[in-house]
Protein backbone atom coordinates (compact mmCIF):
# COMPACT_ATOMS: atom_id res chain seq x y z
CA MET A 1 -7.66 -18.02 -11.64
CA ASP A 2 -11.15 -16.82 -10.83
CA ASP A 3 -13.87 -19.35 -10.06
CA VAL A 4 -15.84 -18.10 -13.06
CA LEU A 5 -12.99 -19.10 -15.36
CA ARG A 6 -12.16 -22.27 -13.41
CA LYS A 7 -15.70 -23.56 -14.07
CA ARG A 8 -15.02 -23.38 -17.82
CA LEU A 9 -12.14 -25.88 -17.62
CA SER A 10 -12.38 -29.62 -17.27
CA THR A 11 -11.10 -31.29 -14.11
CA GLU A 12 -7.92 -32.37 -15.89
CA GLU A 13 -7.33 -28.86 -17.25
CA CYS A 14 -7.81 -27.38 -13.76
CA GLU A 15 -5.32 -29.85 -12.31
CA ASN A 16 -2.82 -29.03 -15.06
CA TYR A 17 -3.30 -25.30 -14.50
CA ASP A 18 -2.70 -25.68 -10.77
CA ARG A 19 0.36 -27.85 -11.38
CA TYR A 20 1.89 -25.41 -13.86
CA ASP A 21 1.08 -22.42 -11.66
CA ARG A 22 2.70 -24.03 -8.61
CA ARG A 23 5.81 -25.01 -10.59
CA ALA A 24 6.15 -21.50 -12.01
CA SER A 25 5.81 -20.02 -8.53
CA LEU A 26 8.39 -22.40 -7.08
CA ALA A 27 10.81 -21.76 -9.94
CA GLY A 28 10.31 -18.03 -9.40
CA HIS A 29 11.69 -18.43 -5.89
CA PHE A 30 14.73 -20.18 -7.36
CA VAL A 31 15.25 -17.17 -9.62
CA VAL A 32 14.78 -14.34 -7.13
CA TRP A 33 16.58 -15.56 -4.02
CA PRO A 34 19.73 -16.96 -5.68
CA ALA A 35 19.96 -13.77 -7.75
CA ILE A 36 19.87 -11.69 -4.57
CA MET A 37 22.39 -13.97 -2.86
CA GLY A 38 24.61 -13.85 -5.95
CA LEU A 39 24.65 -10.06 -5.91
CA ILE A 40 25.44 -9.99 -2.20
CA SER A 41 28.24 -12.52 -2.70
CA TYR A 42 29.62 -10.64 -5.69
CA TYR A 43 29.80 -7.35 -3.82
CA GLY A 44 31.03 -9.18 -0.73
CA GLY A 45 34.11 -10.33 -2.61
CA LYS A 46 33.39 -14.06 -2.64
CA PRO A 47 34.51 -15.21 -6.08
CA PHE A 48 32.85 -18.63 -6.40
CA SER A 49 29.43 -18.11 -4.78
CA PRO A 50 28.01 -15.82 -7.50
CA LEU A 51 28.76 -18.47 -10.13
CA ILE A 52 26.77 -21.08 -8.23
CA CYS A 53 23.88 -18.65 -7.81
CA LEU A 54 24.03 -17.74 -11.50
CA ALA A 55 23.89 -21.44 -12.44
CA ILE A 56 20.79 -21.91 -10.27
CA VAL A 57 19.11 -18.89 -11.86
CA ALA A 58 20.11 -20.06 -15.36
CA VAL A 59 18.33 -23.38 -14.79
CA ALA A 60 15.28 -22.04 -12.93
CA PHE A 61 14.45 -19.12 -15.23
CA PRO A 62 13.52 -21.17 -18.33
CA VAL A 63 11.49 -23.54 -16.14
CA MET A 64 9.61 -20.59 -14.65
CA VAL A 65 8.87 -19.09 -18.08
CA THR A 66 7.81 -22.43 -19.59
CA MET A 67 5.46 -23.32 -16.75
CA GLY A 68 4.04 -19.79 -16.70
CA ASN A 69 3.33 -19.97 -20.42
CA ARG A 70 1.59 -23.33 -20.05
CA ALA A 71 -0.61 -21.96 -17.26
CA LYS A 72 -1.31 -18.85 -19.35
CA LYS A 73 -2.48 -20.98 -22.29
CA LEU A 74 -4.98 -22.79 -20.07
CA ARG A 75 -6.20 -19.49 -18.64
CA LEU A 76 -6.70 -18.15 -22.17
CA ILE A 77 -8.69 -21.27 -23.08
CA ALA A 78 -10.96 -20.61 -20.10
CA GLU A 79 -11.30 -16.93 -21.05
CA ASN A 80 -12.21 -17.83 -24.63
CA ARG A 81 -14.82 -20.32 -23.46
CA TYR A 82 -16.27 -17.76 -21.06
CA GLY A 83 -16.27 -15.12 -23.80
CA ALA A 84 -18.09 -17.47 -26.16
CA ILE A 85 -20.75 -18.17 -23.54
CA MET A 86 -21.19 -14.48 -22.76
CA SER A 87 -21.39 -13.45 -26.41
CA SER A 88 -23.97 -16.16 -27.14
CA ALA A 89 -25.99 -15.05 -24.09
CA THR A 90 -25.81 -11.44 -25.30
CA ARG A 91 -26.96 -12.44 -28.79
CA GLU A 92 -29.85 -14.46 -27.39
CA GLY A 93 -30.86 -11.54 -25.16
CA SER A 94 -30.82 -9.07 -28.06
CA GLU A 95 -32.87 -11.38 -30.30
CA GLN A 96 -35.76 -11.55 -27.84
């Protein structure tokens, strides 16, 4: 998130945004790499390994989406606050 938007959030909201963003990023790694390994194992003829990789992806994907959505909501709050400040500054400038 840009510093301009980060300034519009409280300290607690910034900490929550960072936490959710980190969790989504970490869960994303647990989606991508096991999926790649599962495909390699599947085409390599190993019957059990793709199932393990699929189970890891099945657990990590909803976590990634949930955390990403929570971070997105906080970013939208910051954008709305910034937009309100900019529109009020524009109105004040046009009234003068």
